[in-house]
Amino acid sequence: ALFVCCDGLTGLPESITAVWPQAVIQTCVVHLLRASMRYASYTDRKKMAKALRPIYTAATEDAAKLALED
């Protein structure tokens, strides 16, 4: 299967699946983090980024879930 990591540009996922119907599409981690930071105050962003790091760098889905619970 084709794996596509993109930034969520409007219409991009639809265009990809029109050409490659079996493609797996995921928003890149950097864009997900930036979007998450919009909901944090400027003073809390460093703390929030530090808290999220163990989740998105986890080796497995189970490890990420455990990190999320911490």
PDB file of N, CA and C in Angstrom:
ATOM      1  N   ALA A   1       0.842  -1.191   0.000  1.00  0.00           N
ATOM      2  CA  ALA A   1       0.000   0.000   0.000  1.00  0.00           C
ATOM      3  C   ALA A   1       0.882   1.247   0.000  1.00  0.00           C
ATOM      4  N   LEU A   2       0.387   2.284  -0.587  1.00  0.00           N
ATOM      5  CA  LEU A   2       1.080   3.563  -0.637  1.00  0.00           C
ATOM      6  C   LEU A   2       0.749   4.349   0.629  1.00  0.00           C
ATOM      7  N   PHE A   3       1.754   4.914   1.249  1.00  0.00           N
ATOM      8  CA  PHE A   3       1.585   5.735   2.441  1.00  0.00           C
ATOM      9  C   PHE A   3       1.938   7.163   2.079  1.00  0.00           C
ATOM     10  N   VAL A   4       1.020   8.096   2.359  1.00  0.00           N
ATOM     11  CA  VAL A   4       1.254   9.500   2.051  1.00  0.00           C
ATOM     12  C   VAL A   4       1.144  10.309   3.333  1.00  0.00           C
ATOM     13  N   CYS A   5       2.180  11.054   3.624  1.00  0.00           N
ATOM     14  CA  CYS A   5       2.199  11.948   4.771  1.00  0.00           C
ATOM     15  C   CYS A   5       2.128  13.367   4.226  1.00  0.00           C
ATOM     16  N   CYS A   6       1.061  14.095   4.576  1.00  0.00           N
ATOM     17  CA  CYS A   6       0.878  15.428   4.004  1.00  0.00           C
ATOM     18  C   CYS A   6       0.399  16.404   5.065  1.00  0.00           C
ATOM     19  N   ASP A   7       0.194  17.647   4.663  1.00  0.00           N
ATOM     20  CA  ASP A   7      -0.134  18.707   5.609  1.00  0.00           C
ATOM     21  C   ASP A   7      -1.622  19.001   5.733  1.00  0.00           C
ATOM     22  N   GLY A   8      -2.481  18.229   5.122  1.00  0.00           N
ATOM     23  CA  GLY A   8      -3.912  18.462   5.247  1.00  0.00           C
ATOM     24  C   GLY A   8      -4.440  19.562   4.353  1.00  0.00           C
ATOM     25  N   LEU A   9      -3.716  19.888   3.323  1.00  0.00           N
ATOM     26  CA  LEU A   9      -4.167  20.896   2.363  1.00  0.00           C
ATOM     27  C   LEU A   9      -5.549  20.516   1.838  1.00  0.00           C
ATOM     28  N   THR A  10      -6.460  21.443   1.776  1.00  0.00           N
ATOM     29  CA  THR A  10      -7.817  21.181   1.324  1.00  0.00           C
ATOM     30  C   THR A  10      -7.806  20.529  -0.052  1.00  0.00           C
ATOM     31  N   GLY A  11      -8.482  19.403  -0.152  1.00  0.00           N
ATOM     32  CA  GLY A  11      -8.601  18.689  -1.414  1.00  0.00           C
ATOM     33  C   GLY A  11      -7.490  17.698  -1.699  1.00  0.00           C
ATOM     34  N   LEU A  12      -6.380  17.796  -0.966  1.00  0.00           N
ATOM     35  CA  LEU A  12      -5.253  16.901  -1.231  1.00  0.00           C
ATOM     36  C   LEU A  12      -5.594  15.437  -0.959  1.00  0.00           C
ATOM     37  N   PRO A  13      -6.182  15.106   0.195  1.00  0.00           N
ATOM     38  CA  PRO A  13      -6.515  13.691   0.427  1.00  0.00           C
ATOM     39  C   PRO A  13      -7.454  13.116  -0.652  1.00  0.00           C
ATOM     40  N   GLU A  14      -8.421  13.906  -1.091  1.00  0.00           N
ATOM     41  CA  GLU A  14      -9.345  13.451  -2.124  1.00  0.00           C
ATOM     42  C   GLU A  14      -8.619  13.227  -3.450  1.00  0.00           C
ATOM     43  N   SER A  15      -7.686  14.113  -3.767  1.00  0.00           N
ATOM     44  CA  SER A  15      -6.912  13.975  -5.002  1.00  0.00           C
ATOM     45  C   SER A  15      -6.032  12.731  -4.961  1.00  0.00           C
ATOM     46  N   ILE A  16      -5.440  12.483  -3.819  1.00  0.00           N
ATOM     47  CA  ILE A  16      -4.564  11.314  -3.671  1.00  0.00           C
ATOM     48  C   ILE A  16      -5.372  10.029  -3.836  1.00  0.00           C
ATOM     49  N   THR A  17      -6.514   9.954  -3.130  1.00  0.00           N
ATOM     50  CA  THR A  17      -7.313   8.727  -3.220  1.00  0.00           C
ATOM     51  C   THR A  17      -7.973   8.565  -4.589  1.00  0.00           C
ATOM     52  N   ALA A  18      -8.151   9.654  -5.343  1.00  0.00           N
ATOM     53  CA  ALA A  18      -8.678   9.533  -6.702  1.00  0.00           C
ATOM     54  C   ALA A  18      -7.669   8.832  -7.607  1.00  0.00           C
ATOM     55  N   VAL A  19      -6.390   9.078  -7.376  1.00  0.00           N
ATOM     56  CA  VAL A  19      -5.336   8.470  -8.185  1.00  0.00           C
ATOM     57  C   VAL A  19      -4.918   7.122  -7.606  1.00  0.00           C
ATOM     58  N   TRP A  20      -4.781   7.056  -6.275  1.00  0.00           N
ATOM     59  CA  TRP A  20      -4.360   5.833  -5.585  1.00  0.00           C
ATOM     60  C   TRP A  20      -5.418   5.484  -4.537  1.00  0.00           C
ATOM     61  N   PRO A  21      -6.475   4.776  -4.922  1.00  0.00           N
ATOM     62  CA  PRO A  21      -7.591   4.499  -4.000  1.00  0.00           C
ATOM     63  C   PRO A  21      -7.191   3.758  -2.717  1.00  0.00           C
ATOM     64  N   GLN A  22      -6.143   2.975  -2.749  1.00  0.00           N
ATOM     65  CA  GLN A  22      -5.731   2.197  -1.575  1.00  0.00           C
ATOM     66  C   GLN A  22      -4.729   2.943  -0.686  1.00  0.00           C
ATOM     67  N   ALA A  23      -4.436   4.183  -1.023  1.00  0.00           N
ATOM     68  CA  ALA A  23      -3.432   4.949  -0.272  1.00  0.00           C
ATOM     69  C   ALA A  23      -3.862   5.171   1.174  1.00  0.00           C
ATOM     70  N   VAL A  24      -2.888   5.114   2.057  1.00  0.00           N
ATOM     71  CA  VAL A  24      -3.094   5.449   3.464  1.00  0.00           C
ATOM     72  C   VAL A  24      -2.574   6.875   3.638  1.00  0.00           C
ATOM     73  N   ILE A  25      -3.449   7.756   4.115  1.00  0.00           N
ATOM     74  CA  ILE A  25      -3.091   9.174   4.226  1.00  0.00           C
ATOM     75  C   ILE A  25      -3.033   9.564   5.699  1.00  0.00           C
ATOM     76  N   GLN A  26      -1.955  10.244   6.065  1.00  0.00           N
ATOM     77  CA  GLN A  26      -1.773  10.692   7.444  1.00  0.00           C
ATOM     78  C   GLN A  26      -1.231  12.111   7.439  1.00  0.00           C
ATOM     79  N   THR A  27      -1.734  12.942   8.336  1.00  0.00           N
ATOM     80  CA  THR A  27      -1.191  14.289   8.490  1.00  0.00           C
ATOM     81  C   THR A  27       0.157  14.186   9.183  1.00  0.00           C
ATOM     82  N   CYS A  28       1.133  14.939   8.715  1.00  0.00           N
ATOM     83  CA  CYS A  28       2.475  14.840   9.296  1.00  0.00           C
ATOM     84  C   CYS A  28       2.469  15.348  10.737  1.00  0.00           C
ATOM     85  N   VAL A  29       3.360  14.802  11.535  1.00  0.00           N
ATOM     86  CA  VAL A  29       3.432  15.100  12.960  1.00  0.00           C
ATOM     87  C   VAL A  29       3.687  16.589  13.216  1.00  0.00           C
ATOM     88  N   VAL A  30       4.530  17.197  12.424  1.00  0.00           N
ATOM     89  CA  VAL A  30       4.833  18.618  12.620  1.00  0.00           C
ATOM     90  C   VAL A  30       3.563  19.452  12.471  1.00  0.00           C
ATOM     91  N   HIS A  31       2.759  19.149  11.461  1.00  0.00           N
ATOM     92  CA  HIS A  31       1.529  19.915  11.270  1.00  0.00           C
ATOM     93  C   HIS A  31       0.514  19.635  12.376  1.00  0.00           C
ATOM     94  N   LEU A  32       0.457  18.401  12.857  1.00  0.00           N
ATOM     95  CA  LEU A  32      -0.430  18.092  13.977  1.00  0.00           C
ATOM     96  C   LEU A  32      -0.008  18.848  15.231  1.00  0.00           C
ATOM     97  N   LEU A  33       1.299  18.911  15.484  1.00  0.00           N
ATOM     98  CA  LEU A  33       1.798  19.637  16.655  1.00  0.00           C
ATOM     99  C   LEU A  33       1.506  21.129  16.555  1.00  0.00           C
ATOM    100  N   ARG A  34       1.748  21.677  15.390  1.00  0.00           N
ATOM    101  CA  ARG A  34       1.480  23.115  15.209  1.00  0.00           C
ATOM    102  C   ARG A  34       0.008  23.422  15.423  1.00  0.00           C
ATOM    103  N   ALA A  35      -0.856  22.546  14.914  1.00  0.00           N
ATOM    104  CA  ALA A  35      -2.296  22.746  15.091  1.00  0.00           C
ATOM    105  C   ALA A  35      -2.668  22.643  16.571  1.00  0.00           C
ATOM    106  N   SER A  36      -2.045  21.712  17.293  1.00  0.00           N
ATOM    107  CA  SER A  36      -2.321  21.560  18.722  1.00  0.00           C
ATOM    108  C   SER A  36      -1.884  22.777  19.508  1.00  0.00           C
ATOM    109  N   MET A  37      -0.769  23.361  19.120  1.00  0.00           N
ATOM    110  CA  MET A  37      -0.223  24.513  19.850  1.00  0.00           C
ATOM    111  C   MET A  37      -1.125  25.739  19.757  1.00  0.00           C
ATOM    112  N   ARG A  38      -1.974  25.774  18.763  1.00  0.00           N
ATOM    113  CA  ARG A  38      -2.893  26.914  18.632  1.00  0.00           C
ATOM    114  C   ARG A  38      -3.841  27.025  19.821  1.00  0.00           C
ATOM    115  N   TYR A  39      -4.043  25.909  20.513  1.00  0.00           N
ATOM    116  CA  TYR A  39      -4.976  25.894  21.639  1.00  0.00           C
ATOM    117  C   TYR A  39      -4.302  26.141  22.975  1.00  0.00           C
ATOM    118  N   ALA A  40      -3.006  26.319  22.972  1.00  0.00           N
ATOM    119  CA  ALA A  40      -2.258  26.571  24.209  1.00  0.00           C
ATOM    120  C   ALA A  40      -1.811  28.024  24.250  1.00  0.00           C
ATOM    121  N   SER A  41      -1.751  28.557  25.447  1.00  0.00           N
ATOM    122  CA  SER A  41      -1.237  29.921  25.569  1.00  0.00           C
ATOM    123  C   SER A  41       0.253  29.900  25.229  1.00  0.00           C
ATOM    124  N   TYR A  42       0.762  31.025  24.821  1.00  0.00           N
ATOM    125  CA  TYR A  42       2.164  31.106  24.418  1.00  0.00           C
ATOM    126  C   TYR A  42       3.093  30.646  25.534  1.00  0.00           C
ATOM    127  N   THR A  43       2.749  30.972  26.771  1.00  0.00           N
ATOM    128  CA  THR A  43       3.610  30.610  27.903  1.00  0.00           C
ATOM    129  C   THR A  43       3.591  29.104  28.192  1.00  0.00           C
ATOM    130  N   ASP A  44       2.559  28.401  27.767  1.00  0.00           N
ATOM    131  CA  ASP A  44       2.447  26.966  28.026  1.00  0.00           C
ATOM    132  C   ASP A  44       2.957  26.092  26.874  1.00  0.00           C
ATOM    133  N   ARG A  45       3.320  26.667  25.764  1.00  0.00           N
ATOM    134  CA  ARG A  45       3.672  25.872  24.587  1.00  0.00           C
ATOM    135  C   ARG A  45       4.887  24.976  24.785  1.00  0.00           C
ATOM    136  N   LYS A  46       5.924  25.459  25.444  1.00  0.00           N
ATOM    137  CA  LYS A  46       7.110  24.621  25.688  1.00  0.00           C
ATOM    138  C   LYS A  46       6.742  23.417  26.542  1.00  0.00           C
ATOM    139  N   LYS A  47       5.982  23.666  27.587  1.00  0.00           N
ATOM    140  CA  LYS A  47       5.562  22.596  28.481  1.00  0.00           C
ATOM    141  C   LYS A  47       4.688  21.577  27.729  1.00  0.00           C
ATOM    142  N   MET A  48       3.805  22.085  26.906  1.00  0.00           N
ATOM    143  CA  MET A  48       2.924  21.214  26.130  1.00  0.00           C
ATOM    144  C   MET A  48       3.724  20.372  25.127  1.00  0.00           C
ATOM    145  N   ALA A  49       4.667  20.989  24.449  1.00  0.00           N
ATOM    146  CA  ALA A  49       5.501  20.272  23.484  1.00  0.00           C
ATOM    147  C   ALA A  49       6.289  19.169  24.172  1.00  0.00           C
ATOM    148  N   LYS A  50       6.809  19.464  25.363  1.00  0.00           N
ATOM    149  CA  LYS A  50       7.569  18.465  26.124  1.00  0.00           C
ATOM    150  C   LYS A  50       6.668  17.304  26.536  1.00  0.00           C
ATOM    151  N   ALA A  51       5.434  17.599  26.894  1.00  0.00           N
ATOM    152  CA  ALA A  51       4.493  16.555  27.302  1.00  0.00           C
ATOM    153  C   ALA A  51       4.047  15.682  26.126  1.00  0.00           C
ATOM    154  N   LEU A  52       3.955  16.261  24.939  1.00  0.00           N
ATOM    155  CA  LEU A  52       3.509  15.515  23.763  1.00  0.00           C
ATOM    156  C   LEU A  52       4.604  14.638  23.161  1.00  0.00           C
ATOM    157  N   ARG A  53       5.851  15.021  23.350  1.00  0.00           N
ATOM    158  CA  ARG A  53       6.967  14.307  22.712  1.00  0.00           C
ATOM    159  C   ARG A  53       6.984  12.800  22.980  1.00  0.00           C
ATOM    160  N   PRO A  54       6.818  12.331  24.205  1.00  0.00           N
ATOM    161  CA  PRO A  54       6.836  10.878  24.428  1.00  0.00           C
ATOM    162  C   PRO A  54       5.702  10.144  23.700  1.00  0.00           C
ATOM    163  N   ILE A  55       4.631  10.846  23.417  1.00  0.00           N
ATOM    164  CA  ILE A  55       3.503  10.230  22.729  1.00  0.00           C
ATOM    165  C   ILE A  55       3.828  10.038  21.248  1.00  0.00           C
ATOM    166  N   TYR A  56       4.252  11.102  20.568  1.00  0.00           N
ATOM    167  CA  TYR A  56       4.475  10.968  19.132  1.00  0.00           C
ATOM    168  C   TYR A  56       5.797  10.315  18.761  1.00  0.00           C
ATOM    169  N   THR A  57       6.681  10.124  19.731  1.00  0.00           N
ATOM    170  CA  THR A  57       7.929   9.410  19.436  1.00  0.00           C
ATOM    171  C   THR A  57       7.891   7.961  19.922  1.00  0.00           C
ATOM    172  N   ALA A  58       6.767   7.529  20.464  1.00  0.00           N
ATOM    173  CA  ALA A  58       6.648   6.155  20.956  1.00  0.00           C
ATOM    174  C   ALA A  58       6.853   5.167  19.808  1.00  0.00           C
ATOM    175  N   ALA A  59       7.471   4.047  20.136  1.00  0.00           N
ATOM    176  CA  ALA A  59       7.797   3.034  19.127  1.00  0.00           C
ATOM    177  C   ALA A  59       6.568   2.253  18.660  1.00  0.00           C
ATOM    178  N   THR A  60       5.565   2.153  19.507  1.00  0.00           N
ATOM    179  CA  THR A  60       4.368   1.393  19.150  1.00  0.00           C
ATOM    180  C   THR A  60       3.122   2.171  19.554  1.00  0.00           C
ATOM    181  N   GLU A  61       1.991   1.740  19.024  1.00  0.00           N
ATOM    182  CA  GLU A  61       0.725   2.366  19.389  1.00  0.00           C
ATOM    183  C   GLU A  61       0.441   2.173  20.879  1.00  0.00           C
ATOM    184  N   ASP A  62       0.717   0.976  21.395  1.00  0.00           N
ATOM    185  CA  ASP A  62       0.496   0.722  22.825  1.00  0.00           C
ATOM    186  C   ASP A  62       1.362   1.618  23.695  1.00  0.00           C
ATOM    187  N   ALA A  63       2.616   1.803  23.294  1.00  0.00           N
ATOM    188  CA  ALA A  63       3.507   2.685  24.043  1.00  0.00           C
ATOM    189  C   ALA A  63       3.004   4.127  24.010  1.00  0.00           C
ATOM    190  N   ALA A  64       2.474   4.543  22.869  1.00  0.00           N
ATOM    191  CA  ALA A  64       1.922   5.903  22.756  1.00  0.00           C
ATOM    192  C   ALA A  64       0.713   6.067  23.669  1.00  0.00           C
ATOM    193  N   LYS A  65      -0.121   5.041  23.721  1.00  0.00           N
ATOM    194  CA  LYS A  65      -1.295   5.105  24.605  1.00  0.00           C
ATOM    195  C   LYS A  65      -0.879   5.197  26.065  1.00  0.00           C
ATOM    196  N   LEU A  66       0.152   4.439  26.439  1.00  0.00           N
ATOM    197  CA  LEU A  66       0.654   4.514  27.811  1.00  0.00           C
ATOM    198  C   LEU A  66       1.216   5.897  28.117  1.00  0.00           C
ATOM    199  N   ALA A  67       1.947   6.465  27.164  1.00  0.00           N
ATOM    200  CA  ALA A  67       2.513   7.806  27.347  1.00  0.00           C
ATOM    201  C   ALA A  67       1.402   8.849  27.467  1.00  0.00           C
ATOM    202  N   LEU A  68       0.321   8.643  26.743  1.00  0.00           N
ATOM    203  CA  LEU A  68      -0.811   9.572  26.802  1.00  0.00           C
ATOM    204  C   LEU A  68      -1.461   9.538  28.173  1.00  0.00           C
ATOM    205  N   GLU A  69      -1.507   8.366  28.780  1.00  0.00           N
ATOM    206  CA  GLU A  69      -2.122   8.229  30.102  1.00  0.00           C
ATOM    207  C   GLU A  69      -1.284   8.850  31.213  1.00  0.00           C
ATOM    208  N   ASP A  70       0.029   8.970  31.001  1.00  0.00           N
ATOM    209  CA  ASP A  70       0.913   9.536  32.031  1.00  0.00           C
ATOM    210  C   ASP A  70       0.668  11.000  32.252  1.00  0.00           C
TER     211      ASP A  70
END
